[in-house]
Amino acid sequence: MKIAVLSNVNLMPIKSFLNKKGFTDVNFSEYGQYHLDLISHDSEIHKFPPKYLWLHIDADILLNSELNQLPSVNMINDVDDICIALENYSKLHTLTQIIVSSFELSNANFINYLEFNSEYSFRKIEEGINARLLELAKINSNIFIMNFGKIVRQFGFNNLTNSKFWYLGRIKYTNQCFEEFSKEINYIIRAIEGKTKKVLILDLDNTLWGGIIGEDGMNGIMLSEDGEGKIYRDFQQKIKSLKQLGVILAICSKNNIEDSNVAFSHPMMVLKKNDFSSAKINWESKAKNISEIAEELSLGLDSFVFIDDNPRERAIIKQSYPEVEVPDFPVDITDLNSWFTEIIYEYFGKVTLSDEDRTKSEQYERLAARSIEKSSLNLDEFVASLQIRLNVDNHPVNHSKRLSQLSQKTNQFNLTTRRYSETEILDFLKSEKHIVFALEYEDKFGKEGIVGEAIVEVSNNIAIIDTYLLSCRVIGKNVEYNFLREIGIFISEKFPEIETIRGCFIPTSKNILTKDFYLNAGFIEGEIENEFYIKIKDLIK
């Protein structure tokens, strides 16, 4: 993976840390030339735009002599040229994903030790600069902010910087800082590419609460606002907050269901049974239960993170399902919450949050309800009972973020598995040669939002399907065929000269489900392997 690094300080030592994270091609701008590289069309990053670009500006070095003066609003204006250059570059190279470090001022200057109540204290200056960066990221979908302040608060400037290295070689930061930078960059890029996890599966006894509910009873388990019980209560609060990020919660516990119900009625329980989209509470093997959770939620095992205090159970899941992430539980229970914060960030990080994310748990609860109904009816009866309503939007400009998420995350029902950033989706929407379709789904159980996406290229009297994907939540209800038919109807009306639609299947280890989709939809095999076509009149009849 290629990344370009621009800065006003020497960041060369980070190369080895980035190499360990999979960045085999790391290019640095010349020292102090970051602004010229951004504005000059002859620079390497213009002639050969990287997939990722990281801009880190050291605020102390940028403002330098101004920090020896009283704070002034002019200090905020000093970053205007940088913001303008950055925005212009982002608009010219929409396929480059740009990561910008937040500006953080140290307390290295004596004036900083004074308390300023004026409007433009140094903290106000810092806030003003970062507000401009955030606004830049808000209006440019390929710019993302890296929270350098989080690293500073966690480790402190004294542990992140080294004056000796700075004066001898203009290397201001320590190896610890470079390690944290590389982690942050990796986390952000994983989130941009949709490589984060979807489901958190939890054990109960000695995981969600202290003690064993079947032996200790409600009054004996540790769950309170004091001591060790507060550790578990705070832990539950952190878990509950994950629902706001669209993380699905599930239970996998060897327990009596009656005992677990007693625990969930504990007055100090933060989590309720309805916070979990799936609950396997029995004496079956946890490997079997996790397999059933995957089937119930229509998700691959590589979407799961499993947390259990029992090392034996963790070892079994690691061996049975290498795709499942199984982090080691902290030995010291007082480390539980700080440990979990790292787990959240590593596995469930996000750079954007869609409306669908906020209602993800409800979506999977409805999925479970449909599964129950499906088990008692044949397919035709089941589909008819759902009272399905589909809406196909052929210019979904307001859903570019969601469509990017779908292209990044959908694996099983995805015929080409082409991944697109939000910027690329917006480019398709602006293109005269492409049509972007978004599918909204609703049935008697509720609305599912945008669950399908298609990108079609129209040129030379033929329509070519670039992307065709659907969420597995709606597969098996004829939705995949009805969506295709609606696309055919639109093209026949909008482009009457086009007679044929062509599509292809690009096989991966995960999309075998779609191998025969085009054939089942009435397409005919083409001369090229995995290429299919159909006359529009045959598709929509």
Protein backbone atom coordinates (compact mmCIF):
# COMPACT_ATOMS: atom_id res chain seq x y z
CA MET A 1 0.00 0.00 0.00
CA LYS A 2 1.27 3.47 -0.91
CA ILE A 3 1.25 6.51 1.36
CA ALA A 4 2.82 9.95 0.95
CA VAL A 5 3.98 11.81 4.08
CA LEU A 6 4.12 15.62 4.22
CA SER A 7 5.27 17.60 7.25
CA ASN A 8 7.19 20.62 8.55
CA VAL A 9 9.37 18.31 10.70
CA ASN A 10 11.46 15.23 9.94
CA LEU A 11 9.20 12.15 10.04
CA MET A 12 11.54 9.73 8.26
CA PRO A 13 11.81 7.34 11.25
CA ILE A 14 8.12 6.47 10.94
CA LYS A 15 8.84 4.50 7.76
CA SER A 16 9.77 1.29 9.59
CA PHE A 17 6.65 1.55 11.76
CA LEU A 18 4.42 2.03 8.71
CA ASN A 19 6.15 -0.87 6.94
CA LYS A 20 5.06 -3.13 9.80
CA LYS A 21 1.47 -2.00 9.23
CA GLY A 22 1.58 -3.05 5.57
CA PHE A 23 2.67 0.23 3.95
CA THR A 24 5.39 -1.02 1.65
CA ASP A 25 5.67 2.23 -0.33
CA VAL A 26 6.22 5.26 1.93
CA ASN A 27 7.25 8.51 0.24
CA PHE A 28 8.33 11.69 2.05
CA SER A 29 8.32 15.24 0.80
CA GLU A 30 11.54 17.23 1.03
CA TYR A 31 12.05 18.81 4.44
CA GLY A 32 9.89 21.92 4.78
CA GLN A 33 8.45 21.58 1.24
CA TYR A 34 5.00 20.30 2.22
CA HIS A 35 3.18 23.47 1.07
CA LEU A 36 5.05 23.64 -2.24
CA ASP A 37 4.29 19.97 -2.88
CA LEU A 38 0.58 20.61 -2.32
CA ILE A 39 0.37 23.58 -4.71
CA SER A 40 2.94 22.66 -7.38
CA HIS A 41 1.57 20.52 -10.20
CA ASP A 42 5.13 19.36 -10.89
CA SER A 43 5.47 17.71 -7.47
CA GLU A 44 5.45 13.92 -7.08
CA ILE A 45 2.10 13.86 -5.28
CA HIS A 46 0.50 15.68 -8.23
CA LYS A 47 2.17 13.68 -10.99
CA PHE A 48 1.71 10.36 -9.19
CA PRO A 49 -1.18 10.81 -6.74
CA PRO A 50 -0.91 8.30 -3.86
CA LYS A 51 -3.85 6.31 -2.57
CA TYR A 52 -3.25 7.83 0.87
CA LEU A 53 -1.60 11.06 1.96
CA TRP A 54 -0.78 12.05 5.54
CA LEU A 55 -0.17 15.71 6.37
CA HIS A 56 1.25 16.38 9.82
CA ILE A 57 1.98 19.97 10.78
CA ASP A 58 3.72 20.54 14.08
CA ALA A 59 1.87 23.54 15.52
CA ASP A 60 4.76 24.74 17.69
CA ILE A 61 7.13 24.79 14.72
CA LEU A 62 4.57 26.42 12.42
CA LEU A 63 3.78 29.29 14.78
CA ASN A 64 7.32 29.37 16.29
CA SER A 65 8.19 32.99 17.07
CA GLU A 66 4.54 33.94 17.45
CA LEU A 67 4.37 31.74 20.52
CA ASN A 68 6.66 34.23 22.26
CA GLN A 69 4.00 36.89 21.86
CA LEU A 70 0.59 37.30 23.39
CA PRO A 71 -2.06 35.19 21.63
CA SER A 72 -3.60 36.77 18.55
CA VAL A 73 -6.35 35.86 16.10
CA ASN A 74 -3.71 36.20 13.38
CA MET A 75 -2.28 32.90 14.54
CA ILE A 76 -5.43 31.18 13.32
CA ASN A 77 -5.10 32.92 9.97
CA ASP A 78 -1.60 31.44 9.61
CA VAL A 79 -3.15 28.11 8.64
CA ASP A 80 -5.37 29.55 5.91
CA ASP A 81 -2.80 28.99 3.16
CA ILE A 82 -2.41 25.38 4.28
CA CYS A 83 -6.18 24.78 4.28
CA ILE A 84 -6.58 26.36 0.84
CA ALA A 85 -3.73 24.29 -0.62
CA LEU A 86 -5.09 21.14 0.99
CA GLU A 87 -8.62 21.68 -0.28
CA ASN A 88 -7.43 22.45 -3.82
CA TYR A 89 -5.33 19.29 -3.85
CA SER A 90 -8.24 17.19 -2.54
CA LYS A 91 -10.51 18.46 -5.31
CA LEU A 92 -7.92 17.75 -8.01
CA HIS A 93 -7.16 14.25 -6.73
CA THR A 94 -10.46 12.91 -5.48
CA LEU A 95 -9.19 9.33 -5.33
CA THR A 96 -6.47 10.23 -2.83
CA GLN A 97 -7.64 9.83 0.76
CA ILE A 98 -6.05 12.57 2.85
CA ILE A 99 -5.37 12.22 6.57
CA VAL A 100 -4.57 15.45 8.43
CA SER A 101 -3.27 15.52 12.01
CA SER A 102 -5.05 17.87 14.37
CA PHE A 103 -3.01 20.86 15.56
CA GLU A 104 -1.73 20.51 19.12
CA LEU A 105 0.27 23.19 20.94
CA SER A 106 2.64 22.12 23.72
CA ASN A 107 3.33 24.07 26.91
CA ALA A 108 6.91 24.66 25.82
CA ASN A 109 6.70 28.46 25.97
CA PHE A 110 6.73 30.48 29.18
CA ILE A 111 3.70 32.52 28.07
CA ASN A 112 1.66 29.30 28.02
CA TYR A 113 2.06 29.02 31.77
CA LEU A 114 0.02 32.15 32.29
CA GLU A 115 -3.75 31.97 32.50
CA PHE A 116 -5.50 33.96 29.76
CA ASN A 117 -9.16 34.72 30.05
CA SER A 118 -9.15 36.69 26.85
CA GLU A 119 -10.99 35.48 23.77
CA TYR A 120 -7.77 34.39 22.09
CA SER A 121 -5.88 32.33 24.64
CA PHE A 122 -3.50 29.71 23.25
CA ARG A 123 -6.16 27.05 23.80
CA LYS A 124 -8.59 29.20 21.81
CA ILE A 125 -6.01 29.46 19.04
CA GLU A 126 -5.65 25.68 18.99
CA GLU A 127 -9.43 25.21 18.97
CA GLY A 128 -9.84 27.76 16.17
CA ILE A 129 -7.28 26.04 13.94
CA ASN A 130 -8.80 22.62 14.51
CA ALA A 131 -12.29 23.99 13.85
CA ARG A 132 -11.08 25.04 10.39
CA LEU A 133 -9.66 21.59 9.78
CA LEU A 134 -12.90 19.94 10.84
CA GLU A 135 -14.90 22.19 8.52
CA LEU A 136 -12.52 21.25 5.72
CA ALA A 137 -13.12 17.55 6.38
CA LYS A 138 -16.87 18.11 6.58
CA ILE A 139 -17.14 19.57 3.07
CA ASN A 140 -14.47 17.38 1.42
CA SER A 141 -15.29 13.69 1.61
CA ASN A 142 -11.70 12.56 0.99
CA ILE A 143 -10.21 14.50 3.94
CA PHE A 144 -10.09 12.87 7.39
CA ILE A 145 -8.77 14.23 10.69
CA MET A 146 -6.35 12.22 12.82
CA ASN A 147 -6.77 13.07 16.50
CA PHE A 148 -3.22 13.89 17.56
CA GLY A 149 -4.69 15.38 20.74
CA LYS A 150 -5.82 11.92 21.86
CA ILE A 151 -2.24 10.70 21.67
CA VAL A 152 -0.99 13.78 23.54
CA ARG A 153 -3.55 13.35 26.32
CA GLN A 154 -2.71 9.67 26.70
CA PHE A 155 1.11 9.89 26.69
CA GLY A 156 2.00 13.55 27.25
CA PHE A 157 4.25 15.76 25.14
CA ASN A 158 7.29 14.92 27.28
CA ASN A 159 7.06 11.26 26.26
CA LEU A 160 6.34 12.04 22.61
CA THR A 161 9.08 14.58 21.89
CA ASN A 162 12.86 14.75 22.28
CA SER A 163 14.69 18.10 22.25
CA LYS A 164 18.09 16.50 21.56
CA PHE A 165 16.90 14.76 18.39
CA TRP A 166 15.17 17.96 17.29
CA TYR A 167 18.22 20.19 17.48
CA LEU A 168 20.59 17.58 16.02
CA GLY A 169 18.47 16.24 13.17
CA ARG A 170 15.10 18.04 13.13
CA ILE A 171 13.49 14.80 14.40
CA LYS A 172 11.15 16.11 17.04
CA TYR A 173 9.28 12.92 17.97
CA THR A 174 10.23 9.77 19.85
CA ASN A 175 9.78 6.19 18.66
CA GLN A 176 6.79 5.91 20.96
CA CYS A 177 5.18 8.80 19.10
CA PHE A 178 5.97 7.25 15.70
CA GLU A 179 4.45 3.97 16.89
CA GLU A 180 1.24 5.74 17.95
CA PHE A 181 1.12 7.72 14.69
CA SER A 182 1.38 4.51 12.67
CA LYS A 183 -1.40 2.90 14.75
CA GLU A 184 -3.70 5.87 14.22
CA ILE A 185 -3.05 5.97 10.48
CA ASN A 186 -3.70 2.24 10.20
CA TYR A 187 -6.94 2.49 12.21
CA ILE A 188 -8.25 5.36 10.08
CA ILE A 189 -7.43 3.61 6.80
CA ARG A 190 -9.04 0.37 8.00
CA ALA A 191 -12.17 2.39 8.77
CA ILE A 192 -12.07 4.17 5.39
CA GLU A 193 -11.80 0.80 3.64
CA GLY A 194 -14.58 -0.75 5.71
CA LYS A 195 -12.30 -3.35 7.27
CA THR A 196 -13.80 -2.99 10.72
CA LYS A 197 -15.82 -5.59 12.61
CA LYS A 198 -19.60 -5.63 12.86
CA VAL A 199 -20.52 -7.84 15.83
CA LEU A 200 -19.36 -8.02 19.45
CA ILE A 201 -20.15 -11.38 21.06
CA LEU A 202 -19.96 -11.48 24.85
CA ASP A 203 -19.83 -14.08 27.58
CA LEU A 204 -21.84 -13.36 30.76
CA ASP A 205 -20.36 -14.65 34.06
CA ASN A 206 -17.14 -12.84 35.04
CA THR A 207 -17.36 -10.87 31.79
CA LEU A 208 -20.46 -8.66 31.95
CA TRP A 209 -20.56 -8.97 35.73
CA GLY A 210 -18.31 -10.34 38.45
CA GLY A 211 -19.14 -13.79 39.78
CA ILE A 212 -21.38 -16.61 38.60
CA ILE A 213 -25.09 -15.88 38.61
CA GLY A 214 -26.09 -19.56 38.94
CA GLU A 215 -24.03 -19.93 42.13
CA ASP A 216 -23.89 -16.43 43.64
CA GLY A 217 -27.44 -15.29 42.86
CA MET A 218 -28.51 -11.73 42.10
CA ASN A 219 -27.21 -10.33 45.38
CA GLY A 220 -23.88 -12.10 45.05
CA ILE A 221 -22.68 -10.94 41.64
CA MET A 222 -20.45 -7.87 41.45
CA LEU A 223 -22.32 -5.01 39.80
CA SER A 224 -22.54 -1.69 41.59
CA GLU A 225 -21.33 1.90 41.81
CA ASP A 226 -18.42 0.98 44.08
CA GLY A 227 -15.26 -1.11 43.94
CA GLU A 228 -15.02 -4.07 41.60
CA GLY A 229 -18.74 -3.94 40.84
CA LYS A 230 -18.29 -0.48 39.33
CA ILE A 231 -15.64 -1.85 36.95
CA TYR A 232 -18.26 -4.14 35.41
CA ARG A 233 -20.95 -1.44 35.40
CA ASP A 234 -18.60 0.96 33.59
CA PHE A 235 -17.73 -1.87 31.21
CA GLN A 236 -21.40 -2.35 30.36
CA GLN A 237 -21.82 1.36 29.73
CA LYS A 238 -18.98 1.26 27.21
CA ILE A 239 -20.53 -1.75 25.49
CA LYS A 240 -23.92 -0.07 25.30
CA SER A 241 -22.39 2.99 23.67
CA LEU A 242 -21.17 0.80 20.80
CA LYS A 243 -24.75 0.47 19.57
CA GLN A 244 -24.59 4.14 18.61
CA LEU A 245 -21.77 3.24 16.21
CA GLY A 246 -23.85 0.53 14.60
CA VAL A 247 -22.08 -2.38 16.33
CA ILE A 248 -24.27 -5.46 16.77
CA LEU A 249 -24.24 -7.03 20.24
CA ALA A 250 -24.71 -10.76 20.85
CA ILE A 251 -24.44 -13.17 23.79
CA CYS A 252 -22.72 -16.56 23.79
CA SER A 253 -22.76 -18.02 27.28
CA LYS A 254 -22.89 -21.41 28.98
CA ASN A 255 -25.63 -20.75 31.46
CA ASN A 256 -29.20 -21.47 32.45
CA ILE A 257 -31.53 -19.09 30.66
CA GLU A 258 -33.52 -18.59 33.88
CA ASP A 259 -30.41 -17.56 35.79
CA SER A 260 -29.38 -15.10 33.09
CA ASN A 261 -32.85 -13.53 33.23
CA VAL A 262 -32.35 -13.00 36.96
CA ALA A 263 -29.04 -11.25 36.27
CA PHE A 264 -30.61 -8.98 33.67
CA SER A 265 -33.17 -7.86 36.25
CA HIS A 266 -30.36 -6.67 38.56
CA PRO A 267 -30.94 -2.98 39.39
CA MET A 268 -27.33 -2.12 38.44
CA MET A 269 -27.47 -3.78 35.00
CA VAL A 270 -26.86 -1.22 32.26
CA LEU A 271 -27.42 -3.66 29.40
CA LYS A 272 -30.86 -5.13 28.83
CA LYS A 273 -31.79 -8.26 26.95
CA ASN A 274 -33.18 -6.19 24.07
CA ASP A 275 -29.76 -4.58 23.56
CA PHE A 276 -28.63 -7.89 22.04
CA SER A 277 -29.64 -8.85 18.53
CA SER A 278 -28.88 -12.52 19.22
CA ALA A 279 -28.52 -14.46 22.47
CA LYS A 280 -27.28 -18.04 22.72
CA ILE A 281 -27.56 -18.93 26.42
CA ASN A 282 -27.37 -22.70 26.83
CA TRP A 283 -24.93 -25.53 27.52
CA GLU A 284 -24.00 -26.20 23.91
CA SER A 285 -20.43 -25.61 22.72
CA LYS A 286 -19.68 -21.96 22.12
CA ALA A 287 -18.29 -22.81 18.69
CA LYS A 288 -21.69 -24.22 17.70
CA ASN A 289 -23.49 -21.20 19.14
CA ILE A 290 -21.27 -18.72 17.31
CA SER A 291 -21.91 -20.57 14.07
CA GLU A 292 -25.66 -20.23 14.68
CA ILE A 293 -25.29 -16.51 15.46
CA ALA A 294 -23.53 -16.04 12.12
CA GLU A 295 -26.35 -17.85 10.31
CA GLU A 296 -29.03 -15.96 12.21
CA LEU A 297 -27.48 -12.56 11.40
CA SER A 298 -26.48 -13.54 7.84
CA LEU A 299 -22.92 -12.39 8.48
CA GLY A 300 -19.52 -13.97 7.93
CA LEU A 301 -17.43 -15.11 10.89
CA ASP A 302 -14.81 -12.52 10.00
CA SER A 303 -17.30 -9.88 11.18
CA PHE A 304 -17.08 -11.07 14.80
CA VAL A 305 -15.11 -10.15 17.92
CA PHE A 306 -15.56 -12.59 20.83
CA ILE A 307 -14.87 -11.55 24.45
CA ASP A 308 -14.72 -14.20 27.17
CA ASP A 309 -12.83 -14.28 30.46
CA ASN A 310 -12.21 -18.05 30.15
CA PRO A 311 -8.89 -18.79 28.36
CA ARG A 312 -10.01 -22.31 27.47
CA GLU A 313 -13.14 -21.07 25.69
CA ARG A 314 -11.07 -18.44 23.88
CA ALA A 315 -8.61 -21.08 22.72
CA ILE A 316 -11.42 -23.27 21.35
CA ILE A 317 -12.90 -20.41 19.31
CA LYS A 318 -9.47 -19.38 18.01
CA GLN A 319 -8.87 -22.92 16.84
CA SER A 320 -12.39 -23.49 15.48
CA TYR A 321 -12.79 -20.14 13.74
CA PRO A 322 -9.51 -18.34 12.91
CA GLU A 323 -11.59 -15.61 11.21
CA VAL A 324 -13.08 -14.54 14.56
CA GLU A 325 -11.04 -12.01 16.53
CA VAL A 326 -10.56 -13.30 20.08
CA PRO A 327 -8.57 -10.80 22.18
CA ASP A 328 -6.97 -11.95 25.42
CA PHE A 329 -8.98 -10.89 28.46
CA PRO A 330 -7.06 -8.68 30.95
CA VAL A 331 -5.51 -10.59 33.87
CA ASP A 332 -6.08 -7.64 36.22
CA ILE A 333 -9.79 -6.76 36.19
CA THR A 334 -8.97 -3.12 37.01
CA ASP A 335 -7.53 -2.87 33.48
CA LEU A 336 -10.83 -4.00 31.92
CA ASN A 337 -12.13 -0.62 30.77
CA SER A 338 -8.86 0.82 29.45
CA TRP A 339 -8.26 -2.49 27.65
CA PHE A 340 -11.73 -2.42 26.13
CA THR A 341 -11.27 1.13 24.86
CA GLU A 342 -8.30 -0.09 22.82
CA ILE A 343 -10.36 -3.05 21.53
CA ILE A 344 -13.16 -0.71 20.43
CA TYR A 345 -10.75 1.51 18.57
CA GLU A 346 -8.86 -1.31 16.91
CA TYR A 347 -11.82 -3.40 15.76
CA PHE A 348 -14.78 -1.03 15.51
CA GLY A 349 -13.31 2.31 14.40
CA LYS A 350 -15.32 4.58 12.10
CA VAL A 351 -14.56 7.76 10.19
CA THR A 352 -18.20 8.42 9.25
CA LEU A 353 -21.56 7.53 10.76
CA SER A 354 -24.66 6.97 8.62
CA ASP A 355 -28.32 6.85 9.63
CA GLU A 356 -28.22 3.10 9.02
CA ASP A 357 -25.40 2.74 11.55
CA ARG A 358 -27.51 4.33 14.25
CA THR A 359 -30.34 1.85 13.74
CA LYS A 360 -28.25 -1.25 13.07
CA SER A 361 -29.41 -3.18 16.15
CA GLU A 362 -33.05 -2.64 15.28
CA GLN A 363 -32.35 -3.87 11.75
CA TYR A 364 -30.97 -7.15 13.03
CA GLU A 365 -33.79 -7.56 15.53
CA ARG A 366 -36.19 -7.34 12.58
CA LEU A 367 -34.02 -9.85 10.72
CA ALA A 368 -34.44 -12.30 13.61
CA ALA A 369 -38.21 -11.74 13.59
CA ARG A 370 -38.33 -12.51 9.87
CA SER A 371 -36.31 -15.67 10.43
CA ILE A 372 -38.85 -16.90 12.95
CA GLU A 373 -41.72 -16.28 10.54
CA LYS A 374 -39.82 -17.86 7.65
CA SER A 375 -39.39 -21.10 9.57
CA SER A 376 -43.17 -21.66 9.64
CA LEU A 377 -43.98 -20.86 5.97
CA ASN A 378 -42.87 -21.95 2.52
CA LEU A 379 -40.92 -19.38 0.48
CA ASP A 380 -43.85 -18.01 -1.54
CA GLU A 381 -46.03 -17.71 1.56
CA PHE A 382 -43.20 -16.09 3.50
CA VAL A 383 -42.46 -13.49 0.81
CA ALA A 384 -46.16 -12.68 0.43
CA SER A 385 -46.58 -12.32 4.20
CA LEU A 386 -43.79 -9.74 4.44
CA GLN A 387 -45.68 -7.16 2.33
CA ILE A 388 -42.41 -5.95 0.79
CA ARG A 389 -42.15 -2.44 -0.65
CA LEU A 390 -39.12 -1.41 -2.71
CA ASN A 391 -38.04 2.06 -3.76
CA VAL A 392 -35.30 2.50 -6.37
CA ASP A 393 -33.57 5.89 -6.39
CA ASN A 394 -31.69 6.53 -9.65
CA HIS A 395 -29.87 9.65 -8.42
CA PRO A 396 -29.15 9.08 -4.71
CA VAL A 397 -26.97 12.14 -4.05
CA ASN A 398 -28.03 12.19 -0.39
CA HIS A 399 -26.87 8.63 0.18
CA SER A 400 -23.28 8.76 -1.10
CA LYS A 401 -21.86 7.94 2.34
CA ARG A 402 -24.08 4.89 2.76
CA LEU A 403 -23.37 3.66 -0.77
CA SER A 404 -19.65 3.90 -0.12
CA GLN A 405 -20.10 1.91 3.09
CA LEU A 406 -22.05 -0.77 1.22
CA SER A 407 -19.39 -1.10 -1.46
CA GLN A 408 -16.65 -1.35 1.16
CA LYS A 409 -18.36 -3.84 3.47
CA THR A 410 -20.62 -6.05 1.37
CA ASN A 411 -18.92 -9.33 0.50
CA GLN A 412 -21.42 -12.17 0.12
CA PHE A 413 -23.93 -10.73 -2.36
CA ASN A 414 -21.53 -8.57 -4.33
CA LEU A 415 -20.94 -9.62 -7.93
CA THR A 416 -17.74 -7.65 -8.55
CA THR A 417 -16.58 -6.61 -5.04
CA ARG A 418 -15.34 -3.27 -6.32
CA ARG A 419 -14.68 -0.92 -3.41
CA TYR A 420 -15.46 2.79 -3.74
CA SER A 421 -14.86 5.77 -1.48
CA GLU A 422 -17.55 8.38 -0.99
CA THR A 423 -15.62 10.68 -3.33
CA GLU A 424 -15.70 8.04 -6.06
CA ILE A 425 -19.43 7.49 -5.57
CA LEU A 426 -19.95 11.25 -5.95
CA ASP A 427 -17.88 11.18 -9.15
CA PHE A 428 -20.13 8.42 -10.54
CA LEU A 429 -23.18 10.52 -9.65
CA LYS A 430 -21.74 13.45 -11.61
CA SER A 431 -20.74 11.30 -14.59
CA GLU A 432 -22.87 11.43 -17.73
CA LYS A 433 -21.84 7.85 -18.54
CA HIS A 434 -22.90 6.28 -15.26
CA ILE A 435 -26.12 5.76 -13.35
CA VAL A 436 -26.08 5.01 -9.64
CA PHE A 437 -29.05 3.16 -8.17
CA ALA A 438 -29.88 2.86 -4.49
CA LEU A 439 -32.45 0.37 -3.23
CA GLU A 440 -34.60 1.11 -0.17
CA TYR A 441 -36.42 -1.78 1.47
CA GLU A 442 -39.48 -1.83 3.75
CA ASP A 443 -41.81 -4.58 4.91
CA LYS A 444 -44.34 -5.13 7.68
CA PHE A 445 -41.55 -5.37 10.26
CA GLY A 446 -40.18 -1.94 9.39
CA LYS A 447 -37.84 0.05 7.16
CA GLU A 448 -34.32 -1.21 6.43
CA GLY A 449 -33.05 1.90 4.64
CA ILE A 450 -30.56 1.58 1.76
CA VAL A 451 -29.84 -2.14 1.33
CA GLY A 452 -28.85 -2.38 -2.34
CA GLU A 453 -26.62 -0.59 -4.81
CA ALA A 454 -25.94 -0.74 -8.53
CA ILE A 455 -23.62 1.28 -10.74
CA VAL A 456 -24.28 1.01 -14.46
CA GLU A 457 -22.21 2.43 -17.31
CA VAL A 458 -24.15 3.40 -20.42
CA SER A 459 -22.21 3.89 -23.66
CA ASN A 460 -22.11 2.63 -27.26
CA ASN A 461 -25.71 1.42 -27.08
CA ILE A 462 -25.00 -1.02 -24.27
CA ALA A 463 -25.45 -0.93 -20.50
CA ILE A 464 -22.67 -2.50 -18.43
CA ILE A 465 -23.20 -3.35 -14.76
CA ASP A 466 -20.11 -2.22 -12.89
CA THR A 467 -21.43 -2.92 -9.39
CA TYR A 468 -24.40 -4.92 -8.15
CA LEU A 469 -24.74 -5.72 -4.47
CA LEU A 470 -27.31 -6.21 -1.74
CA SER A 471 -27.22 -6.59 2.00
CA CYS A 472 -27.65 -10.21 3.01
CA ARG A 473 -30.53 -9.11 5.25
CA VAL A 474 -32.81 -8.97 2.22
CA ILE A 475 -31.52 -11.89 0.15
CA GLY A 476 -33.85 -14.83 -0.44
CA LYS A 477 -37.01 -12.75 -0.84
CA ASN A 478 -36.73 -12.18 -4.63
CA VAL A 479 -35.52 -8.65 -3.88
CA GLU A 480 -32.29 -9.24 -5.83
CA TYR A 481 -34.28 -10.05 -9.02
CA ASN A 482 -36.87 -7.29 -8.58
CA PHE A 483 -34.11 -4.70 -8.12
CA LEU A 484 -32.48 -5.83 -11.36
CA ARG A 485 -35.80 -5.64 -13.19
CA GLU A 486 -36.39 -2.08 -11.96
CA ILE A 487 -32.96 -1.09 -13.28
CA GLY A 488 -33.89 -2.60 -16.65
CA ILE A 489 -37.16 -0.67 -16.75
CA PHE A 490 -35.36 2.62 -16.00
CA ILE A 491 -32.76 2.05 -18.72
CA SER A 492 -35.40 1.08 -21.30
CA GLU A 493 -37.27 4.32 -20.63
CA LYS A 494 -34.26 6.63 -20.31
CA PHE A 495 -32.15 5.10 -23.09
CA PRO A 496 -34.49 3.46 -25.63
CA GLU A 497 -31.57 2.93 -28.02
CA ILE A 498 -29.93 0.50 -25.60
CA GLU A 499 -31.04 -3.07 -26.17
CA THR A 500 -28.61 -5.13 -24.07
CA ILE A 501 -27.38 -5.21 -20.48
CA ARG A 502 -24.07 -6.90 -19.74
CA GLY A 503 -22.71 -7.95 -16.36
CA CYS A 504 -19.83 -9.95 -15.00
CA PHE A 505 -19.08 -12.06 -11.95
CA ILE A 506 -15.67 -11.62 -10.32
CA PRO A 507 -15.26 -14.56 -7.91
CA THR A 508 -13.79 -14.14 -4.44
CA SER A 509 -13.58 -16.42 -1.43
CA LYS A 510 -16.75 -14.86 -0.03
CA ASN A 511 -19.18 -14.16 -2.90
CA ILE A 512 -19.80 -17.73 -4.09
CA LEU A 513 -23.47 -17.03 -3.25
CA THR A 514 -23.72 -14.93 -6.43
CA LYS A 515 -21.97 -17.34 -8.78
CA ASP A 516 -25.14 -18.29 -10.70
CA PHE A 517 -27.12 -15.10 -10.09
CA TYR A 518 -27.05 -13.83 -13.67
CA LEU A 519 -27.99 -17.24 -15.07
CA ASN A 520 -30.88 -17.51 -12.60
CA ALA A 521 -31.99 -14.03 -13.67
CA GLY A 522 -32.21 -15.17 -17.33
CA PHE A 523 -28.86 -13.90 -18.60
CA ILE A 524 -26.88 -15.82 -21.21
CA GLU A 525 -23.19 -16.63 -20.86
CA GLY A 526 -20.91 -14.53 -23.04
CA GLU A 527 -17.76 -15.55 -24.86
CA ILE A 528 -15.59 -14.30 -21.99
CA GLU A 529 -15.62 -16.39 -18.83
CA ASN A 530 -17.96 -15.10 -16.10
CA GLU A 531 -19.47 -12.52 -18.47
CA PHE A 532 -23.24 -12.52 -19.06
CA TYR A 533 -25.77 -10.52 -21.08
CA ILE A 534 -29.51 -10.20 -21.62
CA LYS A 535 -31.85 -8.25 -23.88
CA ILE A 536 -33.60 -5.57 -21.86
CA LYS A 537 -36.99 -6.59 -23.25
CA ASP A 538 -36.40 -10.10 -21.83
CA LEU A 539 -35.35 -8.74 -18.46
CA ILE A 540 -38.41 -6.58 -17.91
CA LYS A 541 -41.11 -8.74 -19.45
